[in-house]
Amino acid sequence: MNNPAATVPYPTVPPAAPLVSVIVPTYNTEKFLDQALGSIEAQTLPDFEVICLNDGSTDGSLAIMQEHAARDPRIRIIDKQNEGYGTSCNRGLDEARGEYIAIVEPDDWIEPEMFARMLKYAQGFAGPIDIIKTPYWRINRPDTPRERKLNCSYRGRVNPPKQPFVIADAAHLLEHHPSIWSALYRREFLQEHGIRFKRIPGAGWADNPFLVETLCQAKTIVYLDEPFYCYREETEEKSRSFHQKTPLLPLERWSDMMDVLDRLNVRDERILRAHYSRGFTYLGGILQYAGMEAPGVKEAATAMFRRMDERLVMSDPQISPANKALFRELRDLPPCRVSPLPYLASLVHEGLYSMKNTGLKNTFGSVGSYFKYKNVRSGR
């Protein structure tokens, strides 16, 4: 449509405010959208609305939305010009009326019990819950004969001393894939803190700052260690293409997240260590697929390292001696000897967890990939 703010007048939403508002930001995903919407409609919890945002798609995505809206009055369509993932999600937040906000990306799907199980779990605690968080299913090698359904890398690892909790007591959640879609967010909590997505063109990893904005301001988080969200993982080919085309984007988002931590005056070392770990992970992917010689990478890595506390980096057993050496080199710090033993112990611990979490075969694959790329991922 020519009018960027137009709302397509498909079947109206019931007047009563729903329990959950589901935001589906969509751009050219006709191949998967029917599955995504069908999985939302199949939820055993009936009390929700679906806000489908067509972000200027040029394929058949809008027609698929129209087909679903024609038969399900819980679905609303907002057809607008292309503005990017973050701006689309913000429009969804503006339109939402539910007690909780959910985000489902149009190339993924959710299992039928997701909303019902998460809300039932939260109801077992006194007072309002800001965020209900779960792990997710990794759909590895999706839509191929080798497709596998694997646990994500934090299932079984989030063990706060009590629930509800604040993120400092479960900072492990900040080390991994943002997975903002494997959670429900209390709408009033988002409004009270003015939490919005960054207006970034395209996809742009706008989920990264949102992760920190939400988890670091929530006073009551509960974690249910059951996965419901099915996330189609990127292939290695797509990851390589992404890093080669936009090598600086991950470090730009890391910096945005650090800006949020600074603005919120976050000084808890558990949170900072987790965020530093994400920075080394992002840089490793850039070095693996694009290399330090890619334009601007060395400068961006240096700028990131200058925002890290030297003491926290050098004392972290999960950061390899090679990465610590790279950190010191780019920071113009004198070299120092680092014992490999704490890092080796962390690798053994990670391997044992991986065998339990994803199985022996997948662990062997991860170990092989680690040894194949370990030098290049540390700038060597």
Protein backbone atom coordinates (compact mmCIF):
# COMPACT_ATOMS: atom_id res chain seq x y z
CA MET A 1 0.00 0.00 0.00
CA ASN A 2 1.13 3.58 -0.56
CA ASN A 3 0.04 4.76 2.86
CA PRO A 4 2.81 3.61 5.25
CA ALA A 5 0.56 3.86 8.27
CA ALA A 6 -2.40 2.03 6.76
CA THR A 7 -4.02 -0.74 8.76
CA VAL A 8 -5.79 -3.29 6.60
CA PRO A 9 -9.39 -3.64 7.83
CA TYR A 10 -9.58 -7.43 8.11
CA PRO A 11 -11.77 -9.11 10.73
CA THR A 12 -11.83 -6.98 13.87
CA VAL A 13 -10.22 -8.03 17.12
CA PRO A 14 -12.57 -8.81 20.02
CA PRO A 15 -13.00 -5.75 22.27
CA ALA A 16 -11.71 -7.37 25.48
CA ALA A 17 -7.97 -7.01 26.08
CA PRO A 18 -6.24 -10.37 25.42
CA LEU A 19 -3.71 -12.04 27.68
CA VAL A 20 -1.02 -12.04 24.98
CA SER A 21 -0.28 -9.81 22.01
CA VAL A 22 1.84 -11.67 19.44
CA ILE A 23 3.95 -9.44 17.20
CA VAL A 24 4.97 -10.94 13.84
CA PRO A 25 7.32 -8.55 11.94
CA THR A 26 7.43 -9.80 8.37
CA TYR A 27 9.50 -9.07 5.30
CA ASN A 28 9.53 -11.47 2.32
CA THR A 29 9.05 -14.75 4.18
CA GLU A 30 6.29 -16.34 2.11
CA LYS A 31 8.08 -19.72 2.24
CA PHE A 32 7.63 -20.06 6.00
CA LEU A 33 4.90 -17.62 7.04
CA ASP A 34 2.00 -20.06 6.76
CA GLN A 35 3.72 -22.42 9.19
CA ALA A 36 4.51 -19.60 11.62
CA LEU A 37 0.96 -18.23 11.68
CA GLY A 38 -0.55 -21.70 11.82
CA SER A 39 1.53 -22.54 14.88
CA ILE A 40 0.31 -19.38 16.63
CA GLU A 41 -3.33 -20.10 15.78
CA ALA A 42 -2.88 -23.63 17.18
CA GLN A 43 -1.99 -22.39 20.68
CA THR A 44 -3.97 -24.13 23.41
CA LEU A 45 -4.33 -20.72 25.07
CA PRO A 46 -7.13 -19.09 23.03
CA ASP A 47 -6.92 -15.60 24.55
CA PHE A 48 -4.45 -13.73 22.36
CA GLU A 49 -4.23 -11.34 19.44
CA VAL A 50 -1.80 -11.53 16.53
CA ILE A 51 -0.40 -8.32 15.06
CA CYS A 52 1.02 -9.11 11.62
CA LEU A 53 3.25 -6.32 10.34
CA ASN A 54 3.93 -6.49 6.63
CA ASP A 55 7.13 -4.47 6.30
CA GLY A 56 6.83 -3.67 2.59
CA SER A 57 7.17 -7.27 1.42
CA THR A 58 7.51 -7.75 -2.32
CA ASP A 59 6.60 -11.44 -2.30
CA GLY A 60 3.35 -13.19 -1.33
CA SER A 61 3.63 -12.58 2.42
CA LEU A 62 0.70 -10.14 2.56
CA ALA A 63 -1.60 -12.57 0.75
CA ILE A 64 -0.74 -15.29 3.28
CA MET A 65 -1.56 -12.89 6.12
CA GLN A 66 -4.86 -12.08 4.45
CA GLU A 67 -5.78 -15.77 4.16
CA HIS A 68 -5.17 -16.33 7.88
CA ALA A 69 -6.92 -13.12 8.96
CA ALA A 70 -9.98 -14.02 6.90
CA ARG A 71 -10.57 -17.10 9.02
CA ASP A 72 -9.26 -15.98 12.42
CA PRO A 73 -10.58 -12.75 13.99
CA ARG A 74 -7.64 -12.67 16.41
CA ILE A 75 -5.33 -11.62 13.57
CA ARG A 76 -4.80 -7.99 12.58
CA ILE A 77 -2.70 -6.86 9.62
CA ILE A 78 -0.68 -3.68 9.42
CA ASP A 79 0.57 -3.12 5.89
CA LYS A 80 3.31 -0.49 5.78
CA GLN A 81 6.38 0.62 3.90
CA ASN A 82 9.70 -1.08 4.55
CA GLU A 83 11.32 0.36 7.69
CA GLY A 84 13.19 -2.56 9.23
CA TYR A 85 12.71 -5.11 11.98
CA GLY A 86 13.09 -2.73 14.91
CA THR A 87 10.63 -0.13 13.64
CA SER A 88 8.12 -2.86 12.78
CA CYS A 89 8.35 -4.30 16.30
CA ASN A 90 7.86 -0.81 17.75
CA ARG A 91 4.69 -0.40 15.72
CA GLY A 92 3.55 -3.73 17.10
CA LEU A 93 4.23 -2.51 20.64
CA ASP A 94 2.16 0.59 19.91
CA GLU A 95 -0.76 -1.50 18.69
CA ALA A 96 -0.59 -4.23 21.35
CA ARG A 97 -3.30 -4.46 23.99
CA GLY A 98 -2.34 -7.67 25.76
CA GLU A 99 -1.05 -8.14 29.28
CA TYR A 100 2.04 -9.79 27.82
CA ILE A 101 3.96 -9.29 24.59
CA ALA A 102 5.29 -12.16 22.48
CA ILE A 103 7.42 -11.93 19.34
CA VAL A 104 7.37 -14.67 16.72
CA GLU A 105 9.62 -14.31 13.73
CA PRO A 106 7.92 -15.36 10.48
CA ASP A 107 10.49 -18.01 9.52
CA ASP A 108 10.14 -19.87 12.85
CA TRP A 109 7.28 -21.65 14.61
CA ILE A 110 6.09 -22.37 18.15
CA GLU A 111 4.74 -25.47 19.84
CA PRO A 112 1.04 -25.53 20.85
CA GLU A 113 1.53 -25.33 24.65
CA MET A 114 3.93 -22.37 24.62
CA PHE A 115 1.76 -19.51 25.87
CA ALA A 116 -0.41 -21.64 28.16
CA ARG A 117 2.56 -23.29 29.89
CA MET A 118 4.51 -20.05 30.30
CA LEU A 119 1.58 -18.15 31.78
CA LYS A 120 0.61 -21.01 34.07
CA TYR A 121 4.17 -21.12 35.35
CA ALA A 122 4.24 -17.38 36.03
CA GLN A 123 0.92 -17.58 37.90
CA GLY A 124 2.65 -19.74 40.50
CA PHE A 125 4.53 -16.68 41.78
CA ALA A 126 3.21 -13.75 43.77
CA GLY A 127 3.05 -10.32 42.18
CA PRO A 128 3.53 -9.21 38.58
CA ILE A 129 6.24 -10.97 36.56
CA ASP A 130 8.14 -8.71 34.16
CA ILE A 131 9.66 -11.43 31.97
CA ILE A 132 8.85 -15.12 31.54
CA LYS A 133 11.86 -16.76 29.90
CA THR A 134 12.41 -20.22 28.41
CA PRO A 135 15.05 -22.00 26.32
CA TYR A 136 14.32 -22.82 22.68
CA TRP A 137 14.76 -25.53 20.09
CA ARG A 138 17.57 -25.09 17.57
CA ILE A 139 16.40 -26.32 14.18
CA ASN A 140 19.77 -27.28 12.76
CA ARG A 141 20.16 -27.62 8.96
CA PRO A 142 16.49 -26.66 8.56
CA ASP A 143 14.36 -27.89 5.67
CA THR A 144 16.91 -30.48 4.58
CA PRO A 145 17.05 -34.27 5.01
CA ARG A 146 19.65 -33.63 7.76
CA GLU A 147 17.37 -31.38 9.84
CA ARG A 148 17.84 -31.88 13.57
CA LYS A 149 16.06 -30.51 16.62
CA LEU A 150 18.62 -29.63 19.30
CA ASN A 151 18.59 -27.99 22.71
CA CYS A 152 19.85 -24.42 22.78
CA SER A 153 23.14 -23.66 24.52
CA TYR A 154 21.65 -22.56 27.84
CA ARG A 155 19.03 -25.20 28.57
CA GLY A 156 19.71 -26.64 32.00
CA ARG A 157 22.22 -23.91 32.84
CA VAL A 158 20.01 -21.15 34.22
CA ASN A 159 19.89 -21.83 37.95
CA PRO A 160 19.20 -18.65 39.94
CA PRO A 161 19.24 -19.01 43.73
CA LYS A 162 15.55 -18.16 43.81
CA GLN A 163 12.67 -17.21 41.54
CA PRO A 164 11.69 -14.59 40.59
CA PHE A 165 15.21 -13.29 40.04
CA VAL A 166 17.14 -10.40 38.53
CA ILE A 167 19.52 -10.97 35.66
CA ALA A 168 22.69 -10.63 37.77
CA ASP A 169 21.69 -13.94 39.39
CA ALA A 170 21.41 -15.67 36.01
CA ALA A 171 23.81 -13.66 33.85
CA HIS A 172 24.47 -16.75 31.75
CA LEU A 173 21.43 -15.72 29.72
CA LEU A 174 23.40 -12.72 28.44
CA GLU A 175 26.18 -14.82 26.88
CA HIS A 176 24.14 -16.66 24.29
CA HIS A 177 21.89 -16.01 21.31
CA PRO A 178 19.62 -13.09 22.28
CA SER A 179 16.57 -15.30 21.64
CA ILE A 180 14.23 -12.49 22.64
CA TRP A 181 11.38 -14.50 21.11
CA SER A 182 11.61 -17.30 23.70
CA ALA A 183 10.11 -15.00 26.33
CA LEU A 184 6.96 -13.12 27.26
CA TYR A 185 7.26 -9.48 28.36
CA ARG A 186 4.76 -7.73 30.61
CA ARG A 187 3.50 -4.84 28.50
CA GLU A 188 3.25 -2.39 31.42
CA PHE A 189 6.87 -3.15 32.32
CA LEU A 190 7.97 -2.20 28.79
CA GLN A 191 5.89 0.97 28.94
CA GLU A 192 7.11 1.99 32.40
CA HIS A 193 10.74 1.86 31.26
CA GLY A 194 10.14 3.24 27.77
CA ILE A 195 11.72 0.14 26.24
CA ARG A 196 11.76 0.19 22.47
CA PHE A 197 13.74 -1.33 19.62
CA LYS A 198 16.46 0.65 17.90
CA ARG A 199 15.41 1.95 14.50
CA ILE A 200 17.94 0.07 12.38
CA PRO A 201 17.55 -0.55 8.63
CA GLY A 202 16.79 -4.14 7.69
CA ALA A 203 17.10 -6.85 10.33
CA GLY A 204 20.21 -5.19 11.76
CA TRP A 205 20.36 -7.34 14.92
CA ALA A 206 17.95 -4.96 16.66
CA ASP A 207 17.24 -7.76 19.11
CA ASN A 208 20.64 -7.25 20.77
CA PRO A 209 19.96 -3.91 22.53
CA PHE A 210 16.41 -5.03 23.33
CA LEU A 211 17.82 -8.04 25.19
CA VAL A 212 19.85 -5.83 27.52
CA GLU A 213 17.14 -3.17 27.87
CA THR A 214 14.68 -5.80 29.09
CA LEU A 215 16.73 -8.24 31.17
CA CYS A 216 18.76 -5.55 32.92
CA GLN A 217 15.72 -3.51 33.98
CA ALA A 218 13.40 -6.34 34.95
CA LYS A 219 12.84 -6.73 38.70
CA THR A 220 11.03 -10.06 38.40
CA ILE A 221 12.18 -12.67 35.89
CA VAL A 222 11.09 -16.30 36.00
CA TYR A 223 12.68 -19.08 34.00
CA LEU A 224 10.87 -22.22 32.86
CA ASP A 225 13.43 -24.73 31.55
CA GLU A 226 11.18 -26.10 28.79
CA PRO A 227 11.66 -25.18 25.10
CA PHE A 228 8.68 -24.31 22.92
CA TYR A 229 10.07 -21.93 20.31
CA CYS A 230 11.53 -23.54 17.17
CA TYR A 231 14.29 -21.39 15.69
CA ARG A 232 15.55 -22.06 12.17
CA GLU A 233 19.31 -21.66 12.41
CA GLU A 234 21.30 -19.97 9.68
CA THR A 235 23.42 -22.20 7.48
CA GLU A 236 27.18 -21.76 7.50
CA GLU A 237 26.95 -20.37 3.98
CA LYS A 238 24.55 -17.64 5.09
CA SER A 239 26.71 -16.83 8.10
CA ARG A 240 29.78 -16.49 5.90
CA SER A 241 27.93 -14.25 3.45
CA PHE A 242 26.57 -12.07 6.26
CA HIS A 243 29.96 -11.53 7.91
CA GLN A 244 31.66 -10.79 4.63
CA LYS A 245 29.03 -8.24 3.61
CA THR A 246 28.61 -6.55 6.99
CA PRO A 247 31.64 -7.47 9.12
CA LEU A 248 31.27 -4.54 11.50
CA LEU A 249 27.58 -4.97 12.36
CA PRO A 250 28.03 -7.44 15.28
CA LEU A 251 30.53 -5.14 17.00
CA GLU A 252 28.26 -2.14 16.39
CA ARG A 253 25.45 -3.96 18.19
CA TRP A 254 27.83 -5.00 20.99
CA SER A 255 28.69 -1.32 21.42
CA ASP A 256 24.98 -0.42 21.47
CA MET A 257 24.49 -2.98 24.24
CA MET A 258 27.43 -1.55 26.16
CA ASP A 259 25.85 1.88 25.81
CA VAL A 260 22.71 0.52 27.46
CA LEU A 261 24.72 -0.99 30.32
CA ASP A 262 26.49 2.34 30.84
CA ARG A 263 23.23 4.28 30.75
CA LEU A 264 21.70 1.93 33.31
CA ASN A 265 24.88 2.18 35.40
CA VAL A 266 25.31 -1.60 35.41
CA ARG A 267 28.49 -2.49 37.31
CA ASP A 268 27.79 -6.05 38.38
CA GLU A 269 30.79 -8.11 37.30
CA ARG A 270 28.66 -11.13 36.40
CA ILE A 271 26.76 -9.09 33.83
CA LEU A 272 29.88 -7.42 32.46
CA ARG A 273 31.71 -10.74 32.10
CA ALA A 274 28.75 -12.16 30.19
CA HIS A 275 28.71 -9.17 27.87
CA TYR A 276 32.47 -9.37 27.32
CA SER A 277 32.04 -13.05 26.44
CA ARG A 278 29.50 -12.07 23.78
CA GLY A 279 32.01 -9.57 22.36
CA PHE A 280 34.70 -12.22 21.97
CA THR A 281 32.16 -14.55 20.38
CA TYR A 282 31.11 -11.90 17.87
CA LEU A 283 34.69 -11.04 17.04
CA GLY A 284 35.50 -14.72 16.56
CA GLY A 285 32.77 -15.05 13.94
CA ILE A 286 34.03 -11.97 12.13
CA LEU A 287 37.61 -13.27 12.10
CA GLN A 288 36.49 -16.72 10.96
CA TYR A 289 34.50 -15.52 7.97
CA ALA A 290 35.91 -12.08 7.09
CA GLY A 291 39.31 -11.80 8.78
CA MET A 292 41.07 -9.04 10.68
CA GLU A 293 42.07 -7.50 7.34
CA ALA A 294 38.45 -6.68 6.44
CA PRO A 295 37.96 -2.89 6.37
CA GLY A 296 37.44 -1.42 9.82
CA VAL A 297 37.55 -4.70 11.75
CA LYS A 298 40.81 -4.09 13.62
CA GLU A 299 39.72 -0.58 14.58
CA ALA A 300 36.29 -1.78 15.74
CA ALA A 301 37.81 -4.64 17.74
CA THR A 302 40.24 -2.22 19.39
CA ALA A 303 37.40 0.15 20.28
CA MET A 304 35.45 -2.75 21.81
CA PHE A 305 38.43 -3.93 23.85
CA ARG A 306 38.99 -0.42 25.20
CA ARG A 307 35.51 -0.57 26.73
CA MET A 308 36.35 -3.77 28.62
CA ASP A 309 37.82 -3.94 32.12
CA GLU A 310 41.28 -5.48 31.78
CA ARG A 311 41.01 -7.25 35.14
CA LEU A 312 37.73 -8.97 34.24
CA VAL A 313 39.03 -10.11 30.86
CA MET A 314 42.33 -11.46 32.15
CA SER A 315 40.72 -13.32 35.06
CA ASP A 316 37.97 -14.97 33.00
CA PRO A 317 38.71 -18.71 32.57
CA GLN A 318 36.36 -18.94 29.59
CA ILE A 319 38.45 -16.52 27.49
CA SER A 320 41.30 -18.36 25.80
CA PRO A 321 44.94 -17.36 26.34
CA ALA A 322 45.12 -16.54 22.61
CA ASN A 323 42.16 -14.17 22.87
CA LYS A 324 43.65 -12.57 25.96
CA ALA A 325 46.87 -12.06 24.01
CA LEU A 326 44.90 -10.43 21.19
CA PHE A 327 43.12 -8.23 23.73
CA ARG A 328 46.43 -7.04 25.16
CA GLU A 329 47.95 -6.52 21.72
CA LEU A 330 45.13 -4.32 20.45
CA ARG A 331 44.98 -2.44 23.75
CA ASP A 332 48.76 -1.79 23.53
CA LEU A 333 49.26 -3.54 26.85
CA PRO A 334 52.49 -5.40 27.57
CA PRO A 335 52.30 -9.17 26.93
CA CYS A 336 52.04 -11.44 29.95
CA ARG A 337 52.05 -15.15 30.55
CA VAL A 338 48.61 -16.72 30.92
CA SER A 339 48.19 -20.24 32.28
CA PRO A 340 46.15 -22.39 29.88
CA LEU A 341 44.84 -24.64 32.67
CA PRO A 342 41.72 -22.66 33.66
CA TYR A 343 40.70 -22.38 30.01
CA LEU A 344 41.30 -26.09 29.38
CA ALA A 345 39.15 -26.89 32.40
CA SER A 346 36.37 -24.71 31.00
CA LEU A 347 36.61 -26.54 27.65
CA VAL A 348 36.24 -29.91 29.39
CA HIS A 349 33.24 -28.59 31.31
CA GLU A 350 31.72 -27.25 28.08
CA GLY A 351 32.28 -30.57 26.30
CA LEU A 352 30.59 -32.56 29.06
CA TYR A 353 27.64 -30.17 29.04
CA SER A 354 27.38 -30.40 25.26
CA MET A 355 27.31 -34.21 25.34
CA LYS A 356 24.45 -34.11 27.81
CA ASN A 357 22.64 -31.29 26.04
CA THR A 358 22.98 -32.16 22.34
CA GLY A 359 24.47 -35.64 22.19
CA LEU A 360 27.82 -37.21 21.35
CA LYS A 361 27.65 -36.76 17.58
CA ASN A 362 26.89 -33.06 17.72
CA THR A 363 29.57 -32.55 20.38
CA PHE A 364 32.20 -34.20 18.19
CA GLY A 365 31.13 -31.88 15.36
CA SER A 366 31.50 -28.84 17.60
CA VAL A 367 34.91 -29.99 18.82
CA GLY A 368 36.06 -30.50 15.23
CA SER A 369 34.87 -27.01 14.27
CA TYR A 370 36.62 -25.55 17.31
CA PHE A 371 40.01 -27.02 16.40
CA LYS A 372 39.54 -26.13 12.75
CA TYR A 373 38.97 -22.43 13.44
CA LYS A 374 40.50 -21.82 16.88
CA ASN A 375 43.58 -20.02 15.54
CA VAL A 376 41.79 -17.79 13.06
CA ARG A 377 39.08 -16.91 15.62
CA SER A 378 41.77 -15.47 17.88
CA GLY A 379 43.45 -13.45 15.15
CA ARG A 380 46.32 -15.88 14.54
